[in-house]
Each structure stands twice: as C-alpha cells, then as structure tokens.
Amino acid sequence: MSNKKINIVIIDDEDQILTMLSKFLSREPNYTVKTYANPLTAIAAVNKETDIILLDIMMPQLNGIEALPKLLEKNPQAKILMMTAYSTLDKVLNAHRYGAHDYIMKPFSSLDALGKKVKELLNK
C-alpha cells in the first residue's frame, strides 16, 4: 500500500463504537479517522477527500439507509461499509441498492475482520 493518506469517516450514534473503531483504525499510519455521532453533521463534513465511510444503519436522527444517498451525493467515489446489529435481508438489499459496497454485523466478530473489510474496500 502506498503512503497516500486514507480518509475514513465513521458514523455511529454509539460513542463506545466511535472510540473503539477510531482507536483501532488509527493504528494504521496512513489512515486519518474522523468520527460523527450525528449523521447530519457527518453528511455536511464529507467531501471529495473521503475514501471510506463506516455507516451504522440504526440511528435516531437519520438512519443509515436514508443517509447513504446523501453521503454518495457529496462524494460518489467514497466506499461505504454499512454496520448493523439488526441485519435483515431487506436492509442489506436496500443498502446495496443505494450504493453501499459491503456490510458488517455488530458486535464485530473481531476488529481484525473489520480492518480486513476496510482494506478490501480500498482495493475495489
């Protein structure tokens, strides 16, 4: 992997998840991680420099399926990894239909599995 900075945005209404994922992903020297508990704030902050977005599906202000097209409107090149503890086939299909690249179940089987998914997205 090159020395190019990879800009990652994490959007989740759970502070524990934001802290845990930020600490884990920030261990990669070329990852810059920003976290947002409010999807509306995140949508305003996403720009053309954003490479990867980790997006929770279930949030009170705006759910991930509703936020997804707004995020892609700001940056159509961003790769989006949906995160959910409440997966149904309908949610997964909707996420893919609206432009998500992949999804991962919470609680995470391991942070390494999440890290692997992020690396896979970078290579897509």
N, C-alpha and C. Protein backbone atom coordinates (compact mmCIF):
# COMPACT_ATOMS: atom_id res chain seq x y z
N MET A 1 0.84 -1.17 0.00
CA MET A 1 0.00 0.00 0.00
C MET A 1 0.89 1.24 0.00
N SER A 2 0.46 2.26 -0.70
CA SER A 2 1.27 3.47 -0.81
C SER A 2 1.18 4.30 0.47
N ASN A 3 1.88 5.41 0.48
CA ASN A 3 1.87 6.30 1.64
C ASN A 3 0.73 7.31 1.57
N LYS A 4 -0.14 7.19 0.57
CA LYS A 4 -1.28 8.10 0.45
C LYS A 4 -2.14 8.02 1.71
N LYS A 5 -2.53 9.18 2.20
CA LYS A 5 -3.42 9.22 3.36
C LYS A 5 -4.81 8.72 2.95
N ILE A 6 -5.35 7.83 3.75
CA ILE A 6 -6.69 7.30 3.54
C ILE A 6 -7.60 7.98 4.56
N ASN A 7 -8.59 8.68 4.07
CA ASN A 7 -9.51 9.41 4.95
C ASN A 7 -10.75 8.56 5.21
N ILE A 8 -10.95 8.23 6.49
CA ILE A 8 -12.05 7.37 6.91
C ILE A 8 -12.98 8.17 7.80
N VAL A 9 -14.28 8.06 7.53
CA VAL A 9 -15.31 8.68 8.35
C VAL A 9 -16.13 7.56 8.98
N ILE A 10 -16.33 7.64 10.29
CA ILE A 10 -17.16 6.66 11.00
C ILE A 10 -18.39 7.39 11.52
N ILE A 11 -19.57 6.85 11.20
CA ILE A 11 -20.82 7.47 11.64
C ILE A 11 -21.61 6.43 12.43
N ASP A 12 -21.77 6.71 13.72
CA ASP A 12 -22.49 5.79 14.60
C ASP A 12 -22.97 6.59 15.80
N ASP A 13 -24.17 6.32 16.27
CA ASP A 13 -24.70 7.07 17.41
C ASP A 13 -24.19 6.56 18.75
N GLU A 14 -23.40 5.49 18.75
CA GLU A 14 -22.84 4.94 19.99
C GLU A 14 -21.40 5.41 20.16
N ASP A 15 -21.18 6.21 21.21
CA ASP A 15 -19.83 6.74 21.46
C ASP A 15 -18.79 5.64 21.64
N GLN A 16 -19.17 4.53 22.30
CA GLN A 16 -18.23 3.43 22.51
C GLN A 16 -17.73 2.87 21.18
N ILE A 17 -18.63 2.72 20.23
CA ILE A 17 -18.25 2.20 18.90
C ILE A 17 -17.31 3.20 18.22
N LEU A 18 -17.66 4.48 18.27
CA LEU A 18 -16.81 5.50 17.64
C LEU A 18 -15.40 5.48 18.21
N THR A 19 -15.31 5.42 19.53
CA THR A 19 -14.00 5.43 20.19
C THR A 19 -13.21 4.17 19.84
N MET A 20 -13.86 3.02 19.94
CA MET A 20 -13.18 1.75 19.68
C MET A 20 -12.68 1.68 18.23
N LEU A 21 -13.54 2.02 17.28
CA LEU A 21 -13.14 1.94 15.87
C LEU A 21 -12.08 2.98 15.52
N SER A 22 -12.22 4.16 16.08
CA SER A 22 -11.23 5.20 15.81
C SER A 22 -9.85 4.79 16.32
N LYS A 23 -9.79 4.29 17.54
CA LYS A 23 -8.50 3.84 18.09
C LYS A 23 -7.91 2.70 17.27
N PHE A 24 -8.76 1.75 16.90
CA PHE A 24 -8.28 0.60 16.13
C PHE A 24 -7.77 1.02 14.75
N LEU A 25 -8.57 1.78 14.01
CA LEU A 25 -8.17 2.14 12.64
C LEU A 25 -7.02 3.15 12.62
N SER A 26 -6.92 3.98 13.64
CA SER A 26 -5.84 4.98 13.70
C SER A 26 -4.47 4.34 13.90
N ARG A 27 -4.43 3.06 14.24
CA ARG A 27 -3.14 2.37 14.36
C ARG A 27 -2.45 2.26 13.00
N GLU A 28 -3.23 2.28 11.93
CA GLU A 28 -2.63 2.27 10.58
C GLU A 28 -2.05 3.66 10.33
N PRO A 29 -0.77 3.77 10.04
CA PRO A 29 -0.14 5.09 9.93
C PRO A 29 -0.70 5.96 8.80
N ASN A 30 -1.25 5.36 7.76
CA ASN A 30 -1.75 6.19 6.65
C ASN A 30 -3.26 6.42 6.72
N TYR A 31 -3.92 6.03 7.83
CA TYR A 31 -5.35 6.28 7.99
C TYR A 31 -5.57 7.54 8.82
N THR A 32 -6.40 8.42 8.32
CA THR A 32 -6.89 9.56 9.08
C THR A 32 -8.36 9.28 9.37
N VAL A 33 -8.73 9.26 10.65
CA VAL A 33 -10.08 8.86 11.04
C VAL A 33 -10.82 10.02 11.69
N LYS A 34 -12.04 10.26 11.23
CA LYS A 34 -12.93 11.25 11.84
C LYS A 34 -14.22 10.52 12.23
N THR A 35 -14.76 10.88 13.40
CA THR A 35 -15.96 10.22 13.88
C THR A 35 -17.10 11.22 14.05
N TYR A 36 -18.31 10.73 13.83
CA TYR A 36 -19.51 11.55 13.97
C TYR A 36 -20.62 10.73 14.61
N ALA A 37 -21.22 11.27 15.66
CA ALA A 37 -22.36 10.61 16.30
C ALA A 37 -23.66 11.02 15.62
N ASN A 38 -23.65 12.12 14.90
CA ASN A 38 -24.84 12.62 14.22
C ASN A 38 -24.63 12.52 12.71
N PRO A 39 -25.47 11.74 12.02
CA PRO A 39 -25.29 11.58 10.58
C PRO A 39 -25.45 12.88 9.79
N LEU A 40 -26.25 13.80 10.29
CA LEU A 40 -26.43 15.08 9.59
C LEU A 40 -25.13 15.90 9.61
N THR A 41 -24.44 15.88 10.72
CA THR A 41 -23.14 16.56 10.83
C THR A 41 -22.13 15.88 9.90
N ALA A 42 -22.17 14.55 9.86
CA ALA A 42 -21.24 13.81 9.01
C ALA A 42 -21.49 14.12 7.53
N ILE A 43 -22.73 14.17 7.12
CA ILE A 43 -23.06 14.48 5.72
C ILE A 43 -22.48 15.84 5.35
N ALA A 44 -22.61 16.80 6.24
CA ALA A 44 -22.08 18.14 5.98
C ALA A 44 -20.55 18.12 5.87
N ALA A 45 -19.89 17.20 6.60
CA ALA A 45 -18.43 17.17 6.65
C ALA A 45 -17.79 16.35 5.53
N VAL A 46 -18.52 15.38 4.98
CA VAL A 46 -17.95 14.52 3.94
C VAL A 46 -17.64 15.35 2.70
N ASN A 47 -16.48 15.05 2.10
CA ASN A 47 -16.08 15.77 0.90
C ASN A 47 -15.37 14.81 -0.06
N LYS A 48 -14.80 15.35 -1.10
CA LYS A 48 -14.15 14.52 -2.13
C LYS A 48 -12.91 13.79 -1.62
N GLU A 49 -12.39 14.23 -0.46
CA GLU A 49 -11.21 13.59 0.12
C GLU A 49 -11.55 12.34 0.92
N THR A 50 -12.84 12.12 1.20
CA THR A 50 -13.27 10.97 2.00
C THR A 50 -13.16 9.70 1.16
N ASP A 51 -12.40 8.73 1.65
CA ASP A 51 -12.20 7.48 0.92
C ASP A 51 -13.17 6.38 1.35
N ILE A 52 -13.35 6.24 2.66
CA ILE A 52 -14.15 5.15 3.22
C ILE A 52 -15.10 5.74 4.27
N ILE A 53 -16.33 5.25 4.26
CA ILE A 53 -17.31 5.65 5.28
C ILE A 53 -17.84 4.38 5.93
N LEU A 54 -17.72 4.31 7.25
CA LEU A 54 -18.33 3.24 8.03
C LEU A 54 -19.62 3.82 8.59
N LEU A 55 -20.75 3.26 8.19
CA LEU A 55 -22.05 3.87 8.46
C LEU A 55 -22.97 2.90 9.17
N ASP A 56 -23.39 3.29 10.38
CA ASP A 56 -24.35 2.49 11.14
C ASP A 56 -25.72 2.62 10.48
N ILE A 57 -26.49 1.54 10.48
CA ILE A 57 -27.83 1.60 9.88
C ILE A 57 -28.84 2.20 10.85
N MET A 58 -28.82 1.79 12.11
CA MET A 58 -29.84 2.23 13.07
C MET A 58 -29.34 3.42 13.89
N MET A 59 -29.85 4.62 13.56
CA MET A 59 -29.52 5.83 14.30
C MET A 59 -30.79 6.66 14.43
N PRO A 60 -30.92 7.40 15.53
CA PRO A 60 -32.18 8.13 15.75
C PRO A 60 -32.41 9.34 14.84
N GLN A 61 -31.37 10.10 14.53
CA GLN A 61 -31.57 11.33 13.76
C GLN A 61 -31.94 11.05 12.30
N LEU A 62 -31.23 10.09 11.72
CA LEU A 62 -31.39 9.73 10.31
C LEU A 62 -30.77 8.36 10.18
N ASN A 63 -31.52 7.38 9.70
CA ASN A 63 -30.91 6.05 9.64
C ASN A 63 -29.91 5.96 8.49
N GLY A 64 -29.08 4.94 8.54
CA GLY A 64 -28.01 4.80 7.56
C GLY A 64 -28.50 4.65 6.13
N ILE A 65 -29.65 3.98 5.95
CA ILE A 65 -30.19 3.82 4.59
C ILE A 65 -30.60 5.19 4.03
N GLU A 66 -31.15 6.07 4.89
CA GLU A 66 -31.53 7.42 4.45
C GLU A 66 -30.29 8.29 4.22
N ALA A 67 -29.26 8.09 5.04
CA ALA A 67 -28.04 8.90 4.92
C ALA A 67 -27.19 8.50 3.72
N LEU A 68 -27.26 7.23 3.34
CA LEU A 68 -26.40 6.68 2.28
C LEU A 68 -26.43 7.49 0.98
N PRO A 69 -27.60 7.75 0.37
CA PRO A 69 -27.57 8.52 -0.89
C PRO A 69 -27.08 9.96 -0.70
N LYS A 70 -27.32 10.55 0.46
CA LYS A 70 -26.84 11.91 0.72
C LYS A 70 -25.32 11.94 0.80
N LEU A 71 -24.74 10.91 1.41
CA LEU A 71 -23.27 10.82 1.51
C LEU A 71 -22.66 10.61 0.12
N LEU A 72 -23.27 9.74 -0.67
CA LEU A 72 -22.75 9.49 -2.01
C LEU A 72 -22.94 10.68 -2.94
N GLU A 73 -23.95 11.49 -2.66
CA GLU A 73 -24.13 12.72 -3.43
C GLU A 73 -22.96 13.67 -3.18
N LYS A 74 -22.48 13.70 -1.93
CA LYS A 74 -21.33 14.55 -1.58
C LYS A 74 -20.04 13.99 -2.16
N ASN A 75 -19.92 12.64 -2.20
CA ASN A 75 -18.72 12.00 -2.75
C ASN A 75 -19.10 10.64 -3.33
N PRO A 76 -19.39 10.60 -4.64
CA PRO A 76 -19.78 9.34 -5.28
C PRO A 76 -18.68 8.29 -5.30
N GLN A 77 -17.43 8.69 -5.08
CA GLN A 77 -16.30 7.75 -5.10
C GLN A 77 -16.07 7.07 -3.76
N ALA A 78 -16.68 7.58 -2.70
CA ALA A 78 -16.46 7.00 -1.37
C ALA A 78 -16.98 5.57 -1.32
N LYS A 79 -16.24 4.72 -0.64
CA LYS A 79 -16.65 3.33 -0.43
C LYS A 79 -17.35 3.26 0.92
N ILE A 80 -18.54 2.68 0.94
CA ILE A 80 -19.33 2.68 2.17
C ILE A 80 -19.52 1.27 2.70
N LEU A 81 -19.16 1.11 3.98
CA LEU A 81 -19.32 -0.14 4.70
C LEU A 81 -20.42 0.08 5.74
N MET A 82 -21.54 -0.60 5.56
CA MET A 82 -22.65 -0.48 6.49
C MET A 82 -22.37 -1.34 7.71
N MET A 83 -22.79 -0.85 8.89
CA MET A 83 -22.63 -1.59 10.13
C MET A 83 -24.01 -1.73 10.77
N THR A 84 -24.34 -2.93 11.22
CA THR A 84 -25.64 -3.11 11.86
C THR A 84 -25.64 -4.27 12.84
N ALA A 85 -26.41 -4.10 13.89
CA ALA A 85 -26.66 -5.19 14.83
C ALA A 85 -27.98 -5.86 14.50
N TYR A 86 -28.75 -5.24 13.61
CA TYR A 86 -30.09 -5.72 13.30
C TYR A 86 -30.23 -5.98 11.81
N SER A 87 -29.49 -6.94 11.32
CA SER A 87 -29.49 -7.19 9.88
C SER A 87 -30.70 -8.02 9.46
N THR A 88 -31.33 -7.54 8.42
CA THR A 88 -32.34 -8.33 7.73
C THR A 88 -31.97 -8.29 6.26
N LEU A 89 -32.46 -9.26 5.52
CA LEU A 89 -32.16 -9.29 4.09
C LEU A 89 -32.63 -8.00 3.43
N ASP A 90 -33.77 -7.48 3.85
CA ASP A 90 -34.30 -6.25 3.28
C ASP A 90 -33.35 -5.07 3.49
N LYS A 91 -32.79 -4.95 4.70
CA LYS A 91 -31.84 -3.86 4.99
C LYS A 91 -30.58 -3.98 4.14
N VAL A 92 -30.08 -5.20 4.04
CA VAL A 92 -28.85 -5.43 3.25
C VAL A 92 -29.10 -5.11 1.78
N LEU A 93 -30.23 -5.57 1.26
CA LEU A 93 -30.55 -5.29 -0.15
C LEU A 93 -30.74 -3.80 -0.39
N ASN A 94 -31.42 -3.12 0.53
CA ASN A 94 -31.59 -1.67 0.40
C ASN A 94 -30.26 -0.96 0.44
N ALA A 95 -29.37 -1.37 1.33
CA ALA A 95 -28.05 -0.74 1.43
C ALA A 95 -27.29 -0.90 0.12
N HIS A 96 -27.32 -2.09 -0.45
CA HIS A 96 -26.63 -2.30 -1.73
C HIS A 96 -27.32 -1.52 -2.85
N ARG A 97 -28.63 -1.49 -2.84
CA ARG A 97 -29.38 -0.77 -3.87
C ARG A 97 -29.02 0.72 -3.87
N TYR A 98 -28.81 1.26 -2.68
CA TYR A 98 -28.50 2.69 -2.57
C TYR A 98 -27.00 2.99 -2.67
N GLY A 99 -26.17 1.98 -2.86
CA GLY A 99 -24.77 2.25 -3.14
C GLY A 99 -23.75 1.77 -2.13
N ALA A 100 -24.18 1.07 -1.09
CA ALA A 100 -23.20 0.54 -0.13
C ALA A 100 -22.37 -0.54 -0.80
N HIS A 101 -21.12 -0.64 -0.42
CA HIS A 101 -20.22 -1.62 -1.01
C HIS A 101 -20.20 -2.94 -0.25
N ASP A 102 -20.47 -2.88 1.06
CA ASP A 102 -20.41 -4.09 1.88
C ASP A 102 -21.08 -3.78 3.20
N TYR A 103 -21.23 -4.80 4.04
CA TYR A 103 -21.75 -4.57 5.38
C TYR A 103 -21.06 -5.52 6.35
N ILE A 104 -21.14 -5.16 7.64
CA ILE A 104 -20.56 -5.99 8.69
C ILE A 104 -21.53 -5.97 9.87
N MET A 105 -21.62 -7.10 10.54
CA MET A 105 -22.52 -7.23 11.69
C MET A 105 -21.85 -6.72 12.96
N LYS A 106 -22.65 -6.05 13.82
CA LYS A 106 -22.21 -5.69 15.16
C LYS A 106 -22.95 -6.62 16.11
N PRO A 107 -22.37 -7.03 17.21
CA PRO A 107 -20.99 -6.74 17.58
C PRO A 107 -20.03 -7.44 16.62
N PHE A 108 -18.89 -6.82 16.38
CA PHE A 108 -17.92 -7.33 15.43
C PHE A 108 -17.33 -8.64 15.94
N SER A 109 -17.20 -9.61 15.05
CA SER A 109 -16.58 -10.88 15.46
C SER A 109 -15.15 -10.62 15.92
N SER A 110 -14.51 -9.68 15.25
CA SER A 110 -13.19 -9.21 15.68
C SER A 110 -12.91 -7.91 14.96
N LEU A 111 -12.12 -7.07 15.59
CA LEU A 111 -11.74 -5.83 14.93
C LEU A 111 -10.87 -6.11 13.72
N ASP A 112 -10.13 -7.21 13.76
CA ASP A 112 -9.31 -7.58 12.61
C ASP A 112 -10.19 -7.85 11.39
N ALA A 113 -11.37 -8.44 11.60
CA ALA A 113 -12.29 -8.70 10.49
C ALA A 113 -12.75 -7.37 9.89
N LEU A 114 -13.01 -6.39 10.73
CA LEU A 114 -13.40 -5.07 10.24
C LEU A 114 -12.24 -4.44 9.48
N GLY A 115 -11.04 -4.53 10.03
CA GLY A 115 -9.86 -3.98 9.36
C GLY A 115 -9.65 -4.60 7.99
N LYS A 116 -9.91 -5.90 7.90
CA LYS A 116 -9.77 -6.61 6.62
C LYS A 116 -10.80 -6.09 5.61
N LYS A 117 -12.03 -5.86 6.07
CA LYS A 117 -13.07 -5.32 5.17
C LYS A 117 -12.69 -3.95 4.65
N VAL A 118 -12.12 -3.10 5.54
CA VAL A 118 -11.70 -1.77 5.12
C VAL A 118 -10.62 -1.88 4.05
N LYS A 119 -9.64 -2.76 4.26
CA LYS A 119 -8.57 -2.95 3.26
C LYS A 119 -9.13 -3.47 1.94
N GLU A 120 -10.11 -4.38 2.01
CA GLU A 120 -10.75 -4.89 0.78
C GLU A 120 -11.43 -3.76 0.02
N LEU A 121 -12.10 -2.87 0.73
CA LEU A 121 -12.77 -1.75 0.08
C LEU A 121 -11.77 -0.84 -0.62
N LEU A 122 -10.61 -0.67 -0.02
CA LEU A 122 -9.58 0.18 -0.63
C LEU A 122 -9.10 -0.39 -1.96
N ASN A 123 -9.21 -1.70 -2.10
CA ASN A 123 -8.73 -2.35 -3.32
C ASN A 123 -9.82 -2.54 -4.37
N LYS A 124 -11.03 -2.09 -4.08
CA LYS A 124 -12.14 -2.22 -5.05
C LYS A 124 -12.12 -1.08 -6.03
